[in-house]
Amino acid sequence: MTEPALAPRNAFVGVFVVWGAALLASVAVGVFVPEEWRVSWLLVAFGGLILLSFAVQLWYGSTQGFIFRVACSITGALLLTGLISVGFGLAALVPA
């Protein structure tokens, strides 16, 4: 008697996890870091997101589509970080 194969996990959950971490990290940098250090800390946060992306996709354990999933994670994190930094930059132009 054969046992049915288990359904594999969704491979793109890791992509969304990295995007969520990018959102949280960018907002945290924008809120807690002084204006003159924001760009530097956003770069550090993005470097951590790249490492997180590789770690999450390696943890998934599937070689099929690995490069595509990592590329989606990193591209989405870059876009989110960039959009949030543009928002903080525009907010810095408004006199307080």
N, C-alpha and C. Protein backbone atom coordinates (compact mmCIF):
# COMPACT_ATOMS: atom_id res chain seq x y z
N MET A 1 0.85 -1.17 0.00
CA MET A 1 0.00 0.00 0.00
C MET A 1 0.90 1.24 0.00
N THR A 2 0.58 2.18 -0.84
CA THR A 2 1.39 3.39 -0.93
C THR A 2 0.75 4.50 -0.11
N GLU A 3 1.60 5.33 0.41
CA GLU A 3 1.11 6.47 1.19
C GLU A 3 1.08 7.70 0.28
N PRO A 4 0.08 8.54 0.44
CA PRO A 4 0.02 9.74 -0.41
C PRO A 4 1.16 10.70 -0.04
N ALA A 5 1.68 11.34 -1.04
CA ALA A 5 2.76 12.31 -0.81
C ALA A 5 2.19 13.54 -0.12
N LEU A 6 2.97 14.06 0.79
CA LEU A 6 2.54 15.27 1.48
C LEU A 6 2.64 16.46 0.54
N ALA A 7 1.74 17.38 0.70
CA ALA A 7 1.77 18.59 -0.13
C ALA A 7 2.95 19.45 0.30
N PRO A 8 3.75 19.91 -0.66
CA PRO A 8 4.90 20.75 -0.30
C PRO A 8 4.45 22.11 0.21
N ARG A 9 5.33 22.70 1.01
CA ARG A 9 5.04 24.04 1.50
C ARG A 9 5.06 25.04 0.35
N ASN A 10 4.37 26.14 0.51
CA ASN A 10 4.39 27.19 -0.50
C ASN A 10 5.77 27.85 -0.48
N ALA A 11 6.43 27.86 -1.62
CA ALA A 11 7.79 28.38 -1.69
C ALA A 11 7.85 29.90 -1.54
N PHE A 12 6.76 30.58 -1.83
CA PHE A 12 6.79 32.03 -1.81
C PHE A 12 6.44 32.63 -0.45
N VAL A 13 6.19 31.81 0.54
CA VAL A 13 5.97 32.34 1.89
C VAL A 13 7.24 33.03 2.39
N GLY A 14 8.39 32.45 2.07
CA GLY A 14 9.67 33.05 2.45
C GLY A 14 9.89 34.41 1.82
N VAL A 15 9.39 34.58 0.59
CA VAL A 15 9.51 35.88 -0.09
C VAL A 15 8.71 36.92 0.69
N PHE A 16 7.50 36.58 1.09
CA PHE A 16 6.67 37.52 1.83
C PHE A 16 7.23 37.80 3.23
N VAL A 17 7.88 36.82 3.81
CA VAL A 17 8.52 37.03 5.12
C VAL A 17 9.63 38.08 5.00
N VAL A 18 10.42 37.99 3.96
CA VAL A 18 11.50 38.95 3.75
C VAL A 18 10.92 40.33 3.46
N TRP A 19 9.85 40.40 2.71
CA TRP A 19 9.21 41.69 2.44
C TRP A 19 8.67 42.32 3.72
N GLY A 20 8.08 41.51 4.57
CA GLY A 20 7.59 42.02 5.85
C GLY A 20 8.73 42.51 6.74
N ALA A 21 9.83 41.76 6.74
CA ALA A 21 11.00 42.20 7.50
C ALA A 21 11.57 43.50 6.93
N ALA A 22 11.52 43.65 5.61
CA ALA A 22 11.99 44.90 4.98
C ALA A 22 11.13 46.08 5.41
N LEU A 23 9.84 45.86 5.46
CA LEU A 23 8.93 46.92 5.89
C LEU A 23 9.21 47.32 7.34
N LEU A 24 9.32 46.33 8.20
CA LEU A 24 9.57 46.62 9.61
C LEU A 24 10.94 47.27 9.84
N ALA A 25 11.97 46.77 9.15
CA ALA A 25 13.31 47.31 9.33
C ALA A 25 13.39 48.74 8.82
N SER A 26 12.78 49.03 7.69
CA SER A 26 12.83 50.38 7.13
C SER A 26 12.10 51.39 8.01
N VAL A 27 10.95 50.99 8.49
CA VAL A 27 10.20 51.90 9.38
C VAL A 27 10.95 52.10 10.69
N ALA A 28 11.54 51.04 11.22
CA ALA A 28 12.30 51.16 12.47
C ALA A 28 13.51 52.08 12.29
N VAL A 29 14.20 51.95 11.17
CA VAL A 29 15.34 52.85 10.92
C VAL A 29 14.86 54.28 10.78
N GLY A 30 13.77 54.47 10.06
CA GLY A 30 13.26 55.83 9.88
C GLY A 30 12.79 56.48 11.16
N VAL A 31 12.28 55.69 12.08
CA VAL A 31 11.74 56.25 13.32
C VAL A 31 12.83 56.45 14.38
N PHE A 32 13.73 55.48 14.51
CA PHE A 32 14.67 55.49 15.62
C PHE A 32 16.04 56.05 15.32
N VAL A 33 16.37 56.27 14.06
CA VAL A 33 17.72 56.73 13.69
C VAL A 33 17.65 58.21 13.32
N PRO A 34 18.63 59.02 13.77
CA PRO A 34 18.64 60.44 13.38
C PRO A 34 18.77 60.60 11.86
N GLU A 35 18.30 61.74 11.36
CA GLU A 35 18.26 61.98 9.91
C GLU A 35 19.59 61.80 9.22
N GLU A 36 20.66 62.27 9.82
CA GLU A 36 21.96 62.22 9.14
C GLU A 36 22.52 60.80 9.02
N TRP A 37 21.98 59.85 9.78
CA TRP A 37 22.47 58.46 9.74
C TRP A 37 21.51 57.50 9.06
N ARG A 38 20.37 57.98 8.58
CA ARG A 38 19.34 57.08 8.03
C ARG A 38 19.82 56.31 6.81
N VAL A 39 20.49 56.98 5.89
CA VAL A 39 20.90 56.29 4.66
C VAL A 39 21.88 55.17 4.99
N SER A 40 22.81 55.45 5.86
CA SER A 40 23.78 54.41 6.24
C SER A 40 23.09 53.22 6.89
N TRP A 41 22.17 53.48 7.79
CA TRP A 41 21.49 52.38 8.47
C TRP A 41 20.52 51.65 7.57
N LEU A 42 19.95 52.35 6.57
CA LEU A 42 19.10 51.65 5.61
C LEU A 42 19.94 50.68 4.77
N LEU A 43 21.17 51.07 4.45
CA LEU A 43 22.06 50.16 3.73
C LEU A 43 22.43 48.95 4.58
N VAL A 44 22.67 49.18 5.85
CA VAL A 44 22.97 48.06 6.76
C VAL A 44 21.75 47.14 6.87
N ALA A 45 20.58 47.72 6.99
CA ALA A 45 19.35 46.92 7.07
C ALA A 45 19.14 46.13 5.79
N PHE A 46 19.42 46.73 4.64
CA PHE A 46 19.25 46.02 3.38
C PHE A 46 20.24 44.86 3.26
N GLY A 47 21.46 45.06 3.73
CA GLY A 47 22.42 43.96 3.76
C GLY A 47 21.93 42.80 4.61
N GLY A 48 21.34 43.13 5.76
CA GLY A 48 20.75 42.08 6.61
C GLY A 48 19.59 41.38 5.92
N LEU A 49 18.83 42.13 5.13
CA LEU A 49 17.71 41.52 4.41
C LEU A 49 18.18 40.57 3.32
N ILE A 50 19.31 40.89 2.70
CA ILE A 50 19.88 39.98 1.71
C ILE A 50 20.28 38.66 2.38
N LEU A 51 20.93 38.77 3.53
CA LEU A 51 21.31 37.56 4.26
C LEU A 51 20.08 36.79 4.72
N LEU A 52 19.05 37.50 5.17
CA LEU A 52 17.81 36.85 5.59
C LEU A 52 17.16 36.13 4.41
N SER A 53 17.20 36.74 3.25
CA SER A 53 16.61 36.13 2.07
C SER A 53 17.28 34.80 1.75
N PHE A 54 18.61 34.79 1.75
CA PHE A 54 19.31 33.53 1.51
C PHE A 54 19.00 32.51 2.60
N ALA A 55 18.97 32.93 3.84
CA ALA A 55 18.73 32.00 4.94
C ALA A 55 17.33 31.38 4.85
N VAL A 56 16.34 32.20 4.54
CA VAL A 56 14.97 31.68 4.46
C VAL A 56 14.84 30.70 3.30
N GLN A 57 15.42 31.03 2.17
CA GLN A 57 15.30 30.14 1.02
C GLN A 57 16.12 28.86 1.18
N LEU A 58 17.24 28.94 1.87
CA LEU A 58 18.00 27.73 2.16
C LEU A 58 17.27 26.85 3.17
N TRP A 59 16.59 27.48 4.11
CA TRP A 59 15.82 26.72 5.10
C TRP A 59 14.68 25.97 4.43
N TYR A 60 14.12 26.55 3.37
CA TYR A 60 13.03 25.88 2.65
C TYR A 60 13.49 24.55 2.09
N GLY A 61 14.73 24.49 1.63
CA GLY A 61 15.32 23.22 1.25
C GLY A 61 15.00 22.73 -0.15
N SER A 62 14.54 23.59 -1.03
CA SER A 62 14.25 23.17 -2.39
C SER A 62 15.17 23.91 -3.35
N THR A 63 15.80 23.17 -4.23
CA THR A 63 16.71 23.81 -5.19
C THR A 63 15.95 24.35 -6.40
N GLN A 64 14.78 23.83 -6.65
CA GLN A 64 14.02 24.26 -7.81
C GLN A 64 13.46 25.66 -7.59
N GLY A 65 13.88 26.62 -8.42
CA GLY A 65 13.42 27.99 -8.31
C GLY A 65 14.12 28.81 -7.25
N PHE A 66 15.25 28.33 -6.75
CA PHE A 66 15.96 29.02 -5.67
C PHE A 66 16.37 30.43 -6.08
N ILE A 67 17.00 30.57 -7.24
CA ILE A 67 17.48 31.87 -7.70
C ILE A 67 16.31 32.82 -7.91
N PHE A 68 15.22 32.33 -8.47
CA PHE A 68 14.05 33.17 -8.70
C PHE A 68 13.45 33.66 -7.39
N ARG A 69 13.34 32.79 -6.41
CA ARG A 69 12.78 33.20 -5.11
C ARG A 69 13.68 34.19 -4.39
N VAL A 70 14.99 33.97 -4.44
CA VAL A 70 15.92 34.91 -3.80
C VAL A 70 15.86 36.26 -4.52
N ALA A 71 15.80 36.23 -5.86
CA ALA A 71 15.73 37.47 -6.62
C ALA A 71 14.44 38.24 -6.31
N CYS A 72 13.33 37.53 -6.19
CA CYS A 72 12.06 38.18 -5.83
C CYS A 72 12.13 38.78 -4.43
N SER A 73 12.72 38.05 -3.50
CA SER A 73 12.85 38.55 -2.13
C SER A 73 13.67 39.82 -2.09
N ILE A 74 14.83 39.80 -2.75
CA ILE A 74 15.75 40.93 -2.69
C ILE A 74 15.18 42.12 -3.45
N THR A 75 14.58 41.88 -4.61
CA THR A 75 14.01 42.98 -5.40
C THR A 75 12.86 43.64 -4.65
N GLY A 76 11.99 42.85 -4.06
CA GLY A 76 10.89 43.42 -3.29
C GLY A 76 11.37 44.18 -2.07
N ALA A 77 12.38 43.64 -1.40
CA ALA A 77 12.94 44.33 -0.23
C ALA A 77 13.58 45.65 -0.64
N LEU A 78 14.26 45.65 -1.79
CA LEU A 78 14.87 46.88 -2.29
C LEU A 78 13.81 47.93 -2.62
N LEU A 79 12.74 47.52 -3.28
CA LEU A 79 11.68 48.46 -3.62
C LEU A 79 10.99 49.01 -2.37
N LEU A 80 10.68 48.14 -1.42
CA LEU A 80 10.04 48.60 -0.18
C LEU A 80 10.94 49.55 0.60
N THR A 81 12.21 49.19 0.73
CA THR A 81 13.16 50.04 1.44
C THR A 81 13.30 51.38 0.74
N GLY A 82 13.37 51.35 -0.59
CA GLY A 82 13.49 52.58 -1.35
C GLY A 82 12.28 53.48 -1.23
N LEU A 83 11.09 52.90 -1.33
CA LEU A 83 9.87 53.71 -1.21
C LEU A 83 9.73 54.32 0.17
N ILE A 84 10.04 53.56 1.18
CA ILE A 84 9.93 54.09 2.54
C ILE A 84 10.98 55.17 2.78
N SER A 85 12.18 54.99 2.24
CA SER A 85 13.21 56.02 2.41
C SER A 85 12.85 57.29 1.64
N VAL A 86 12.20 57.15 0.49
CA VAL A 86 11.71 58.34 -0.22
C VAL A 86 10.67 59.06 0.62
N GLY A 87 9.80 58.31 1.26
CA GLY A 87 8.80 58.93 2.14
C GLY A 87 9.44 59.68 3.30
N PHE A 88 10.44 59.10 3.92
CA PHE A 88 11.13 59.78 5.01
C PHE A 88 11.91 60.99 4.49
N GLY A 89 12.46 60.89 3.28
CA GLY A 89 13.17 62.01 2.70
C GLY A 89 12.24 63.17 2.41
N LEU A 90 11.06 62.88 1.88
CA LEU A 90 10.08 63.94 1.62
C LEU A 90 9.57 64.54 2.93
N ALA A 91 9.43 63.70 3.95
CA ALA A 91 8.99 64.20 5.24
C ALA A 91 10.03 65.11 5.87
N ALA A 92 11.31 64.86 5.56
CA ALA A 92 12.37 65.71 6.10
C ALA A 92 12.38 67.09 5.46
N LEU A 93 11.81 67.21 4.26
CA LEU A 93 11.76 68.51 3.59
C LEU A 93 10.71 69.44 4.20
N VAL A 94 9.72 68.86 4.83
CA VAL A 94 8.66 69.66 5.44
C VAL A 94 9.18 70.30 6.71
N PRO A 95 9.08 71.63 6.83
CA PRO A 95 9.58 72.26 8.05
C PRO A 95 8.72 71.88 9.26
N ALA A 96 9.40 71.65 10.36
CA ALA A 96 8.69 71.23 11.57
C ALA A 96 8.29 72.39 12.43
